[in-house]
Amino acid sequence: MSRTKLLALAAAPALAVSLASPALADDETAHPRVVTAESPVRSIGANQTEIVTVTCPRGTFAVSGGWLVSSASIDVTGNRAVSDRRWKIRFANEANQAGRVQAFARCAT
C-alpha cells in the first residue's frame, strides 16, 4: 500500500509542472470563440404565442439560447436548437395586453 502512495506522490510534481506550463497559457486555439446573436425586438399580442428564431454567424454553432420579455406574464414554452446554427424560442403571452420579446443565441466555433 505504501508503494502505491509513493508512486502517486512521485507523479504529482510532473503533473503540476505540465499544468503550469506557459505554452498552455498562450494557446488561444484551445478556447472556442463565443458570440451572441440576437433577434429584433418583436411584439406579442395579448393571449398570443410567438416563435422567434435566431441564426448564428457562419462558422459557428448554436450552443444555447436566452431571452428578454417585457412582462412576467410572458412565459417561455420552448427553448431549443433547431439546426447547427439556429436556436428557436417559443413565447406565450398570458396577459390581456400586448408585450415585447427578444431572443438570443450563444454561438461558438
PDB file of N, CA and C in Angstrom:
ATOM      1  N   MET A   1       0.814  -1.183   0.000  1.00  0.00           N
ATOM      2  CA  MET A   1       0.000   0.000   0.000  1.00  0.00           C
ATOM      3  C   MET A   1       0.864   1.256   0.000  1.00  0.00           C
ATOM      4  N   SER A   2       1.958   1.285   0.750  1.00  0.00           N
ATOM      5  CA  SER A   2       2.825   2.457   0.777  1.00  0.00           C
ATOM      6  C   SER A   2       3.492   2.664  -0.582  1.00  0.00           C
ATOM      7  N   ARG A   3       3.681   1.610  -1.337  1.00  0.00           N
ATOM      8  CA  ARG A   3       4.272   1.722  -2.672  1.00  0.00           C
ATOM      9  C   ARG A   3       3.338   2.514  -3.600  1.00  0.00           C
ATOM     10  N   THR A   4       2.042   2.271  -3.514  1.00  0.00           N
ATOM     11  CA  THR A   4       1.067   3.000  -4.334  1.00  0.00           C
ATOM     12  C   THR A   4       1.085   4.476  -3.987  1.00  0.00           C
ATOM     13  N   LYS A   5       1.144   4.807  -2.725  1.00  0.00           N
ATOM     14  CA  LYS A   5       1.193   6.200  -2.312  1.00  0.00           C
ATOM     15  C   LYS A   5       2.456   6.866  -2.823  1.00  0.00           C
ATOM     16  N   LEU A   6       3.556   6.185  -2.786  1.00  0.00           N
ATOM     17  CA  LEU A   6       4.822   6.731  -3.249  1.00  0.00           C
ATOM     18  C   LEU A   6       4.758   7.036  -4.736  1.00  0.00           C
ATOM     19  N   LEU A   7       4.176   6.156  -5.533  1.00  0.00           N
ATOM     20  CA  LEU A   7       4.055   6.399  -6.974  1.00  0.00           C
ATOM     21  C   LEU A   7       3.151   7.589  -7.258  1.00  0.00           C
ATOM     22  N   ALA A   8       2.066   7.715  -6.519  1.00  0.00           N
ATOM     23  CA  ALA A   8       1.157   8.840  -6.713  1.00  0.00           C
ATOM     24  C   ALA A   8       1.841  10.150  -6.366  1.00  0.00           C
ATOM     25  N   LEU A   9       2.602  10.174  -5.292  1.00  0.00           N
ATOM     26  CA  LEU A   9       3.315  11.380  -4.906  1.00  0.00           C
ATOM     27  C   LEU A   9       4.419  11.721  -5.896  1.00  0.00           C
ATOM     28  N   ALA A  10       5.060  10.729  -6.467  1.00  0.00           N
ATOM     29  CA  ALA A  10       6.120  10.981  -7.437  1.00  0.00           C
ATOM     30  C   ALA A  10       5.546  11.563  -8.729  1.00  0.00           C
ATOM     31  N   ALA A  11       4.325  11.210  -9.069  1.00  0.00           N
ATOM     32  CA  ALA A  11       3.713  11.713 -10.299  1.00  0.00           C
ATOM     33  C   ALA A  11       3.173  13.123 -10.134  1.00  0.00           C
ATOM     34  N   ALA A  12       2.838  13.535  -8.924  1.00  0.00           N
ATOM     35  CA  ALA A  12       2.231  14.842  -8.683  1.00  0.00           C
ATOM     36  C   ALA A  12       3.090  16.010  -9.151  1.00  0.00           C
ATOM     37  N   PRO A  13       4.427  16.057  -8.885  1.00  0.00           N
ATOM     38  CA  PRO A  13       5.219  17.190  -9.363  1.00  0.00           C
ATOM     39  C   PRO A  13       5.243  17.291 -10.893  1.00  0.00           C
ATOM     40  N   ALA A  14       5.273  16.178 -11.570  1.00  0.00           N
ATOM     41  CA  ALA A  14       5.272  16.216 -13.036  1.00  0.00           C
ATOM     42  C   ALA A  14       3.966  16.788 -13.553  1.00  0.00           C
ATOM     43  N   LEU A  15       2.847  16.443 -12.934  1.00  0.00           N
ATOM     44  CA  LEU A  15       1.551  16.966 -13.326  1.00  0.00           C
ATOM     45  C   LEU A  15       1.488  18.469 -13.071  1.00  0.00           C
ATOM     46  N   ALA A  16       1.988  18.899 -11.923  1.00  0.00           N
ATOM     47  CA  ALA A  16       1.969  20.315 -11.589  1.00  0.00           C
ATOM     48  C   ALA A  16       2.804  21.121 -12.575  1.00  0.00           C
ATOM     49  N   VAL A  17       3.941  20.603 -12.978  1.00  0.00           N
ATOM     50  CA  VAL A  17       4.795  21.305 -13.939  1.00  0.00           C
ATOM     51  C   VAL A  17       4.101  21.411 -15.292  1.00  0.00           C
ATOM     52  N   SER A  18       3.449  20.352 -15.743  1.00  0.00           N
ATOM     53  CA  SER A  18       2.804  20.406 -17.055  1.00  0.00           C
ATOM     54  C   SER A  18       1.603  21.330 -17.041  1.00  0.00           C
ATOM     55  N   LEU A  19       0.858  21.437 -15.928  1.00  0.00           N
ATOM     56  CA  LEU A  19      -0.287  22.331 -15.860  1.00  0.00           C
ATOM     57  C   LEU A  19       0.139  23.790 -15.796  1.00  0.00           C
ATOM     58  N   ALA A  20       1.292  24.064 -15.245  1.00  0.00           N
ATOM     59  CA  ALA A  20       1.762  25.437 -15.102  1.00  0.00           C
ATOM     60  C   ALA A  20       2.572  25.897 -16.313  1.00  0.00           C
ATOM     61  N   SER A  21       2.668  25.106 -17.324  1.00  0.00           N
ATOM     62  CA  SER A  21       3.484  25.436 -18.487  1.00  0.00           C
ATOM     63  C   SER A  21       2.980  26.695 -19.184  1.00  0.00           C
ATOM     64  N   PRO A  22       3.855  27.671 -19.455  1.00  0.00           N
ATOM     65  CA  PRO A  22       3.449  28.879 -20.166  1.00  0.00           C
ATOM     66  C   PRO A  22       2.930  28.576 -21.576  1.00  0.00           C
ATOM     67  N   ALA A  23       3.381  27.509 -22.174  1.00  0.00           N
ATOM     68  CA  ALA A  23       2.915  27.172 -23.519  1.00  0.00           C
ATOM     69  C   ALA A  23       1.416  26.905 -23.521  1.00  0.00           C
ATOM     70  N   LEU A  24       0.899  26.315 -22.461  1.00  0.00           N
ATOM     71  CA  LEU A  24      -0.538  26.069 -22.383  1.00  0.00           C
ATOM     72  C   LEU A  24      -1.312  27.370 -22.218  1.00  0.00           C
ATOM     73  N   ALA A  25      -0.787  28.307 -21.479  1.00  0.00           N
ATOM     74  CA  ALA A  25      -1.472  29.575 -21.244  1.00  0.00           C
ATOM     75  C   ALA A  25      -1.551  30.404 -22.520  1.00  0.00           C
ATOM     76  N   ASP A  26      -0.575  30.293 -23.415  1.00  0.00           N
ATOM     77  CA  ASP A  26      -0.546  31.077 -24.641  1.00  0.00           C
ATOM     78  C   ASP A  26      -1.332  30.452 -25.777  1.00  0.00           C
ATOM     79  N   ASP A  27      -1.829  29.258 -25.617  1.00  0.00           N
ATOM     80  CA  ASP A  27      -2.513  28.547 -26.685  1.00  0.00           C
ATOM     81  C   ASP A  27      -3.958  29.019 -26.797  1.00  0.00           C
ATOM     82  N   GLU A  28      -4.219  29.999 -27.676  1.00  0.00           N
ATOM     83  CA  GLU A  28      -5.551  30.561 -27.838  1.00  0.00           C
ATOM     84  C   GLU A  28      -6.494  29.626 -28.587  1.00  0.00           C
ATOM     85  N   THR A  29      -5.981  28.690 -29.336  1.00  0.00           N
ATOM     86  CA  THR A  29      -6.851  27.792 -30.091  1.00  0.00           C
ATOM     87  C   THR A  29      -7.565  26.791 -29.189  1.00  0.00           C
ATOM     88  N   ALA A  30      -7.148  26.663 -27.951  1.00  0.00           N
ATOM     89  CA  ALA A  30      -7.785  25.721 -27.036  1.00  0.00           C
ATOM     90  C   ALA A  30      -9.150  26.222 -26.573  1.00  0.00           C
ATOM     91  N   HIS A  31      -9.430  27.516 -26.711  1.00  0.00           N
ATOM     92  CA  HIS A  31     -10.684  28.094 -26.254  1.00  0.00           C
ATOM     93  C   HIS A  31     -11.561  28.472 -27.452  1.00  0.00           C
ATOM     94  N   PRO A  32     -12.825  28.065 -27.436  1.00  0.00           N
ATOM     95  CA  PRO A  32     -13.696  28.433 -28.551  1.00  0.00           C
ATOM     96  C   PRO A  32     -14.024  29.925 -28.504  1.00  0.00           C
ATOM     97  N   ARG A  33     -14.309  30.451 -29.655  1.00  0.00           N
ATOM     98  CA  ARG A  33     -14.772  31.835 -29.761  1.00  0.00           C
ATOM     99  C   ARG A  33     -16.276  31.799 -29.565  1.00  0.00           C
ATOM    100  N   VAL A  34     -16.786  32.630 -28.686  1.00  0.00           N
ATOM    101  CA  VAL A  34     -18.220  32.652 -28.395  1.00  0.00           C
ATOM    102  C   VAL A  34     -18.760  34.039 -28.727  1.00  0.00           C
ATOM    103  N   VAL A  35     -19.854  34.076 -29.477  1.00  0.00           N
ATOM    104  CA  VAL A  35     -20.527  35.326 -29.813  1.00  0.00           C
ATOM    105  C   VAL A  35     -22.010  35.167 -29.501  1.00  0.00           C
ATOM    106  N   THR A  36     -22.698  36.294 -29.377  1.00  0.00           N
ATOM    107  CA  THR A  36     -24.132  36.277 -29.137  1.00  0.00           C
ATOM    108  C   THR A  36     -24.843  36.852 -30.355  1.00  0.00           C
ATOM    109  N   ALA A  37     -25.787  36.093 -30.888  1.00  0.00           N
ATOM    110  CA  ALA A  37     -26.648  36.571 -31.969  1.00  0.00           C
ATOM    111  C   ALA A  37     -27.991  36.935 -31.340  1.00  0.00           C
ATOM    112  N   GLU A  38     -28.653  37.942 -31.876  1.00  0.00           N
ATOM    113  CA  GLU A  38     -29.921  38.364 -31.282  1.00  0.00           C
ATOM    114  C   GLU A  38     -30.956  38.650 -32.347  1.00  0.00           C
ATOM    115  N   SER A  39     -32.198  38.457 -31.976  1.00  0.00           N
ATOM    116  CA  SER A  39     -33.309  38.792 -32.860  1.00  0.00           C
ATOM    117  C   SER A  39     -33.671  40.257 -32.646  1.00  0.00           C
ATOM    118  N   PRO A  40     -34.417  40.824 -33.579  1.00  0.00           N
ATOM    119  CA  PRO A  40     -35.000  42.140 -33.291  1.00  0.00           C
ATOM    120  C   PRO A  40     -36.034  41.985 -32.171  1.00  0.00           C
ATOM    121  N   VAL A  41     -36.350  43.075 -31.493  1.00  0.00           N
ATOM    122  CA  VAL A  41     -37.431  43.055 -30.509  1.00  0.00           C
ATOM    123  C   VAL A  41     -38.734  42.896 -31.280  1.00  0.00           C
ATOM    124  N   ARG A  42     -39.572  41.946 -30.827  1.00  0.00           N
ATOM    125  CA  ARG A  42     -40.832  41.669 -31.530  1.00  0.00           C
ATOM    126  C   ARG A  42     -42.007  41.860 -30.587  1.00  0.00           C
ATOM    127  N   SER A  43     -43.134  42.255 -31.160  1.00  0.00           N
ATOM    128  CA  SER A  43     -44.370  42.373 -30.391  1.00  0.00           C
ATOM    129  C   SER A  43     -45.041  41.025 -30.294  1.00  0.00           C
ATOM    130  N   ILE A  44     -45.716  40.812 -29.168  1.00  0.00           N
ATOM    131  CA  ILE A  44     -46.517  39.620 -28.977  1.00  0.00           C
ATOM    132  C   ILE A  44     -47.875  40.099 -28.454  1.00  0.00           C
ATOM    133  N   GLY A  45     -48.923  39.728 -29.166  1.00  0.00           N
ATOM    134  CA  GLY A  45     -50.258  40.181 -28.799  1.00  0.00           C
ATOM    135  C   GLY A  45     -50.759  39.564 -27.513  1.00  0.00           C
ATOM    136  N   ALA A  46     -51.807  40.156 -26.965  1.00  0.00           N
ATOM    137  CA  ALA A  46     -52.445  39.635 -25.759  1.00  0.00           C
ATOM    138  C   ALA A  46     -52.941  38.220 -26.017  1.00  0.00           C
ATOM    139  N   ASN A  47     -52.654  37.313 -25.088  1.00  0.00           N
ATOM    140  CA  ASN A  47     -53.095  35.913 -25.181  1.00  0.00           C
ATOM    141  C   ASN A  47     -52.645  35.226 -26.472  1.00  0.00           C
ATOM    142  N   GLN A  48     -51.483  35.577 -26.969  1.00  0.00           N
ATOM    143  CA  GLN A  48     -50.949  35.014 -28.210  1.00  0.00           C
ATOM    144  C   GLN A  48     -49.631  34.295 -27.936  1.00  0.00           C
ATOM    145  N   THR A  49     -49.188  33.518 -28.927  1.00  0.00           N
ATOM    146  CA  THR A  49     -47.867  32.904 -28.883  1.00  0.00           C
ATOM    147  C   THR A  49     -47.037  33.467 -30.025  1.00  0.00           C
ATOM    148  N   GLU A  50     -45.755  33.438 -29.848  1.00  0.00           N
ATOM    149  CA  GLU A  50     -44.815  33.944 -30.855  1.00  0.00           C
ATOM    150  C   GLU A  50     -43.583  33.056 -30.834  1.00  0.00           C
ATOM    151  N   ILE A  51     -43.152  32.616 -32.006  1.00  0.00           N
ATOM    152  CA  ILE A  51     -41.919  31.833 -32.126  1.00  0.00           C
ATOM    153  C   ILE A  51     -40.866  32.721 -32.766  1.00  0.00           C
ATOM    154  N   VAL A  52     -39.707  32.820 -32.112  1.00  0.00           N
ATOM    155  CA  VAL A  52     -38.612  33.650 -32.607  1.00  0.00           C
ATOM    156  C   VAL A  52     -37.404  32.744 -32.822  1.00  0.00           C
ATOM    157  N   THR A  53     -36.828  32.823 -34.027  1.00  0.00           N
ATOM    158  CA  THR A  53     -35.655  32.020 -34.361  1.00  0.00           C
ATOM    159  C   THR A  53     -34.464  32.947 -34.588  1.00  0.00           C
ATOM    160  N   VAL A  54     -33.323  32.573 -34.012  1.00  0.00           N
ATOM    161  CA  VAL A  54     -32.081  33.339 -34.154  1.00  0.00           C
ATOM    162  C   VAL A  54     -31.069  32.471 -34.890  1.00  0.00           C
ATOM    163  N   THR A  55     -30.363  33.059 -35.851  1.00  0.00           N
ATOM    164  CA  THR A  55     -29.361  32.322 -36.622  1.00  0.00           C
ATOM    165  C   THR A  55     -27.964  32.801 -36.246  1.00  0.00           C
ATOM    166  N   CYS A  56     -27.097  31.863 -35.932  1.00  0.00           N
ATOM    167  CA  CYS A  56     -25.696  32.169 -35.607  1.00  0.00           C
ATOM    168  C   CYS A  56     -24.916  32.489 -36.883  1.00  0.00           C
ATOM    169  N   PRO A  57     -23.832  33.252 -36.761  1.00  0.00           N
ATOM    170  CA  PRO A  57     -22.995  33.560 -37.928  1.00  0.00           C
ATOM    171  C   PRO A  57     -22.373  32.294 -38.524  1.00  0.00           C
ATOM    172  N   ARG A  58     -22.032  32.365 -39.794  1.00  0.00           N
ATOM    173  CA  ARG A  58     -21.354  31.240 -40.458  1.00  0.00           C
ATOM    174  C   ARG A  58     -20.071  30.909 -39.694  1.00  0.00           C
ATOM    175  N   GLY A  59     -19.788  29.621 -39.597  1.00  0.00           N
ATOM    176  CA  GLY A  59     -18.591  29.162 -38.912  1.00  0.00           C
ATOM    177  C   GLY A  59     -18.790  28.953 -37.419  1.00  0.00           C
ATOM    178  N   THR A  60     -20.002  29.213 -36.916  1.00  0.00           N
ATOM    179  CA  THR A  60     -20.292  28.984 -35.506  1.00  0.00           C
ATOM    180  C   THR A  60     -21.476  28.032 -35.377  1.00  0.00           C
ATOM    181  N   PHE A  61     -21.669  27.523 -34.171  1.00  0.00           N
ATOM    182  CA  PHE A  61     -22.765  26.600 -33.869  1.00  0.00           C
ATOM    183  C   PHE A  61     -23.569  27.145 -32.704  1.00  0.00           C
ATOM    184  N   ALA A  62     -24.886  26.986 -32.756  1.00  0.00           N
ATOM    185  CA  ALA A  62     -25.756  27.403 -31.654  1.00  0.00           C
ATOM    186  C   ALA A  62     -25.585  26.432 -30.494  1.00  0.00           C
ATOM    187  N   VAL A  63     -25.220  26.953 -29.330  1.00  0.00           N
ATOM    188  CA  VAL A  63     -24.996  26.089 -28.171  1.00  0.00           C
ATOM    189  C   VAL A  63     -25.986  26.352 -27.037  1.00  0.00           C
ATOM    190  N   SER A  64     -26.614  27.518 -27.008  1.00  0.00           N
ATOM    191  CA  SER A  64     -27.630  27.805 -26.000  1.00  0.00           C
ATOM    192  C   SER A  64     -28.434  29.013 -26.440  1.00  0.00           C
ATOM    193  N   GLY A  65     -29.493  29.282 -25.696  1.00  0.00           N
ATOM    194  CA  GLY A  65     -30.335  30.415 -26.024  1.00  0.00           C
ATOM    195  C   GLY A  65     -30.784  31.146 -24.779  1.00  0.00           C
ATOM    196  N   GLY A  66     -31.297  32.342 -24.984  1.00  0.00           N
ATOM    197  CA  GLY A  66     -31.793  33.151 -23.887  1.00  0.00           C
ATOM    198  C   GLY A  66     -32.832  34.130 -24.405  1.00  0.00           C
ATOM    199  N   TRP A  67     -33.409  34.925 -23.523  1.00  0.00           N
ATOM    200  CA  TRP A  67     -34.483  35.805 -23.939  1.00  0.00           C
ATOM    201  C   TRP A  67     -34.649  36.972 -22.976  1.00  0.00           C
ATOM    202  N   LEU A  68     -35.354  37.979 -23.479  1.00  0.00           N
ATOM    203  CA  LEU A  68     -35.835  39.101 -22.676  1.00  0.00           C
ATOM    204  C   LEU A  68     -37.325  39.217 -22.946  1.00  0.00           C
ATOM    205  N   VAL A  69     -38.107  39.517 -21.923  1.00  0.00           N
ATOM    206  CA  VAL A  69     -39.542  39.736 -22.073  1.00  0.00           C
ATOM    207  C   VAL A  69     -39.903  41.021 -21.346  1.00  0.00           C
ATOM    208  N   SER A  70     -40.983  41.665 -21.795  1.00  0.00           N
ATOM    209  CA  SER A  70     -41.375  42.938 -21.194  1.00  0.00           C
ATOM    210  C   SER A  70     -42.301  42.762 -19.998  1.00  0.00           C
ATOM    211  N   SER A  71     -42.756  41.541 -19.751  1.00  0.00           N
ATOM    212  CA  SER A  71     -43.717  41.306 -18.675  1.00  0.00           C
ATOM    213  C   SER A  71     -43.527  39.915 -18.085  1.00  0.00           C
ATOM    214  N   ALA A  72     -43.803  39.799 -16.793  1.00  0.00           N
ATOM    215  CA  ALA A  72     -43.739  38.488 -16.144  1.00  0.00           C
ATOM    216  C   ALA A  72     -44.865  37.575 -16.624  1.00  0.00           C
ATOM    217  N   SER A  73     -45.836  38.126 -17.340  1.00  0.00           N
ATOM    218  CA  SER A  73     -46.948  37.332 -17.881  1.00  0.00           C
ATOM    219  C   SER A  73     -46.575  36.625 -19.179  1.00  0.00           C
ATOM    220  N   ILE A  74     -45.383  36.877 -19.692  1.00  0.00           N
ATOM    221  CA  ILE A  74     -44.918  36.216 -20.917  1.00  0.00           C
ATOM    222  C   ILE A  74     -44.023  35.056 -20.503  1.00  0.00           C
ATOM    223  N   ASP A  75     -44.469  33.855 -20.838  1.00  0.00           N
ATOM    224  CA  ASP A  75     -43.728  32.641 -20.493  1.00  0.00           C
ATOM    225  C   ASP A  75     -42.954  32.120 -21.695  1.00  0.00           C
ATOM    226  N   VAL A  76     -41.860  31.417 -21.427  1.00  0.00           N
ATOM    227  CA  VAL A  76     -41.130  30.694 -22.464  1.00  0.00           C
ATOM    228  C   VAL A  76     -41.598  29.248 -22.395  1.00  0.00           C
ATOM    229  N   THR A  77     -42.180  28.777 -23.497  1.00  0.00           N
ATOM    230  CA  THR A  77     -42.709  27.410 -23.529  1.00  0.00           C
ATOM    231  C   THR A  77     -41.882  26.490 -24.414  1.00  0.00           C
ATOM    232  N   GLY A  78     -40.839  27.024 -25.016  1.00  0.00           N
ATOM    233  CA  GLY A  78     -39.912  26.226 -25.813  1.00  0.00           C
ATOM    234  C   GLY A  78     -38.604  26.971 -25.962  1.00  0.00           C
ATOM    235  N   ASN A  79     -37.497  26.239 -25.903  1.00  0.00           N
ATOM    236  CA  ASN A  79     -36.174  26.857 -25.960  1.00  0.00           C
ATOM    237  C   ASN A  79     -35.196  25.785 -26.410  1.00  0.00           C
ATOM    238  N   ARG A  80     -34.884  25.741 -27.730  1.00  0.00           N
ATOM    239  CA  ARG A  80     -34.057  24.641 -28.219  1.00  0.00           C
ATOM    240  C   ARG A  80     -33.393  24.980 -29.542  1.00  0.00           C
ATOM    241  N   ALA A  81     -32.357  24.205 -29.850  1.00  0.00           N
ATOM    242  CA  ALA A  81     -31.705  24.294 -31.163  1.00  0.00           C
ATOM    243  C   ALA A  81     -32.599  23.615 -32.189  1.00  0.00           C
ATOM    244  N   VAL A  82     -32.680  24.204 -33.377  1.00  0.00           N
ATOM    245  CA  VAL A  82     -33.445  23.584 -34.464  1.00  0.00           C
ATOM    246  C   VAL A  82     -32.539  23.155 -35.610  1.00  0.00           C
ATOM    247  N   SER A  83     -31.284  23.559 -35.562  1.00  0.00           N
ATOM    248  CA  SER A  83     -30.264  23.116 -36.515  1.00  0.00           C
ATOM    249  C   SER A  83     -28.911  23.469 -35.907  1.00  0.00           C
ATOM    250  N   ASP A  84     -27.838  23.226 -36.640  1.00  0.00           N
ATOM    251  CA  ASP A  84     -26.498  23.546 -36.130  1.00  0.00           C
ATOM    252  C   ASP A  84     -26.345  25.031 -35.808  1.00  0.00           C
ATOM    253  N   ARG A  85     -26.977  25.893 -36.601  1.00  0.00           N
ATOM    254  CA  ARG A  85     -26.782  27.337 -36.453  1.00  0.00           C
ATOM    255  C   ARG A  85     -28.016  28.095 -35.971  1.00  0.00           C
ATOM    256  N   ARG A  86     -29.120  27.421 -35.746  1.00  0.00           N
ATOM    257  CA  ARG A  86     -30.358  28.135 -35.411  1.00  0.00           C
ATOM    258  C   ARG A  86     -30.908  27.707 -34.047  1.00  0.00           C
ATOM    259  N   TRP A  87     -31.375  28.716 -33.273  1.00  0.00           N
ATOM    260  CA  TRP A  87     -31.980  28.491 -31.959  1.00  0.00           C
ATOM    261  C   TRP A  87     -33.386  29.087 -31.990  1.00  0.00           C
ATOM    262  N   LYS A  88     -34.354  28.336 -31.464  1.00  0.00           N
ATOM    263  CA  LYS A  88     -35.758  28.761 -31.507  1.00  0.00           C
ATOM    264  C   LYS A  88     -36.308  28.868 -30.085  1.00  0.00           C
ATOM    265  N   ILE A  89     -37.026  29.976 -29.848  1.00  0.00           N
ATOM    266  CA  ILE A  89     -37.691  30.181 -28.561  1.00  0.00           C
ATOM    267  C   ILE A  89     -39.161  30.480 -28.822  1.00  0.00           C
ATOM    268  N   ARG A  90     -40.029  29.794 -28.074  1.00  0.00           N
ATOM    269  CA  ARG A  90     -41.476  29.987 -28.203  1.00  0.00           C
ATOM    270  C   ARG A  90     -41.966  30.715 -26.949  1.00  0.00           C
ATOM    271  N   PHE A  91     -42.654  31.838 -27.178  1.00  0.00           N
ATOM    272  CA  PHE A  91     -43.175  32.672 -26.106  1.00  0.00           C
ATOM    273  C   PHE A  91     -44.701  32.558 -26.068  1.00  0.00           C
ATOM    274  N   ALA A  92     -45.281  32.608 -24.883  1.00  0.00           N
ATOM    275  CA  ALA A  92     -46.731  32.623 -24.706  1.00  0.00           C
ATOM    276  C   ALA A  92     -47.084  33.805 -23.799  1.00  0.00           C
ATOM    277  N   ASN A  93     -47.880  34.717 -24.333  1.00  0.00           N
ATOM    278  CA  ASN A  93     -48.298  35.893 -23.571  1.00  0.00           C
ATOM    279  C   ASN A  93     -49.635  35.585 -22.910  1.00  0.00           C
ATOM    280  N   GLU A  94     -49.656  35.495 -21.589  1.00  0.00           N
ATOM    281  CA  GLU A  94     -50.875  35.176 -20.855  1.00  0.00           C
ATOM    282  C   GLU A  94     -51.583  36.422 -20.341  1.00  0.00           C
ATOM    283  N   ALA A  95     -51.116  37.588 -20.749  1.00  0.00           N
ATOM    284  CA  ALA A  95     -51.705  38.848 -20.295  1.00  0.00           C
ATOM    285  C   ALA A  95     -52.790  39.315 -21.261  1.00  0.00           C
ATOM    286  N   ASN A  96     -53.575  40.265 -20.800  1.00  0.00           N
ATOM    287  CA  ASN A  96     -54.624  40.860 -21.639  1.00  0.00           C
ATOM    288  C   ASN A  96     -54.127  42.086 -22.381  1.00  0.00           C
ATOM    289  N   GLN A  97     -52.827  42.248 -22.448  1.00  0.00           N
ATOM    290  CA  GLN A  97     -52.245  43.356 -23.196  1.00  0.00           C
ATOM    291  C   GLN A  97     -51.007  42.860 -23.944  1.00  0.00           C
ATOM    292  N   ALA A  98     -50.661  43.558 -25.009  1.00  0.00           N
ATOM    293  CA  ALA A  98     -49.504  43.167 -25.820  1.00  0.00           C
ATOM    294  C   ALA A  98     -48.212  43.360 -25.033  1.00  0.00           C
ATOM    295  N   GLY A  99     -47.175  42.675 -25.470  1.00  0.00           N
ATOM    296  CA  GLY A  99     -45.861  42.808 -24.844  1.00  0.00           C
ATOM    297  C   GLY A  99     -44.774  42.742 -25.901  1.00  0.00           C
ATOM    298  N   ARG A 100     -43.518  42.684 -25.435  1.00  0.00           N
ATOM    299  CA  ARG A 100     -42.366  42.620 -26.338  1.00  0.00           C
ATOM    300  C   ARG A 100     -41.460  41.475 -25.907  1.00  0.00           C
ATOM    301  N   VAL A 101     -40.837  40.835 -26.896  1.00  0.00           N
ATOM    302  CA  VAL A 101     -39.920  39.725 -26.635  1.00  0.00           C
ATOM    303  C   VAL A 101     -38.688  39.879 -27.511  1.00  0.00           C
ATOM    304  N   GLN A 102     -37.596  39.291 -27.063  1.00  0.00           N
ATOM    305  CA  GLN A 102     -36.365  39.245 -27.846  1.00  0.00           C
ATOM    306  C   GLN A 102     -35.660  37.939 -27.519  1.00  0.00           C
ATOM    307  N   ALA A 103     -35.110  37.288 -28.537  1.00  0.00           N
ATOM    308  CA  ALA A 103     -34.412  36.013 -28.363  1.00  0.00           C
ATOM    309  C   ALA A 103     -32.927  36.188 -28.655  1.00  0.00           C
ATOM    310  N   PHE A 104     -32.112  35.365 -27.994  1.00  0.00           N
ATOM    311  CA  PHE A 104     -30.667  35.368 -28.172  1.00  0.00           C
ATOM    312  C   PHE A 104     -30.171  33.953 -28.388  1.00  0.00           C
ATOM    313  N   ALA A 105     -29.063  33.827 -29.081  1.00  0.00           N
ATOM    314  CA  ALA A 105     -28.394  32.535 -29.223  1.00  0.00           C
ATOM    315  C   ALA A 105     -26.924  32.737 -28.902  1.00  0.00           C
ATOM    316  N   ARG A 106     -26.360  31.839 -28.118  1.00  0.00           N
ATOM    317  CA  ARG A 106     -24.925  31.816 -27.875  1.00  0.00           C
ATOM    318  C   ARG A 106     -24.331  30.901 -28.936  1.00  0.00           C
ATOM    319  N   CYS A 107     -23.353  31.411 -29.648  1.00  0.00           N
ATOM    320  CA  CYS A 107     -22.778  30.714 -30.793  1.00  0.00           C
ATOM    321  C   CYS A 107     -21.282  30.532 -30.553  1.00  0.00           C
ATOM    322  N   ALA A 108     -20.788  29.329 -30.798  1.00  0.00           N
ATOM    323  CA  ALA A 108     -19.379  29.029 -30.557  1.00  0.00           C
ATOM    324  C   ALA A 108     -18.755  28.392 -31.792  1.00  0.00           C
ATOM    325  N   THR A 109     -17.434  28.570 -31.917  1.00  0.00           N
ATOM    326  CA  THR A 109     -16.716  27.954 -33.028  1.00  0.00           C
ATOM    327  C   THR A 109     -16.380  26.528 -32.705  1.00  0.00           C
TER     328      THR A 109
END
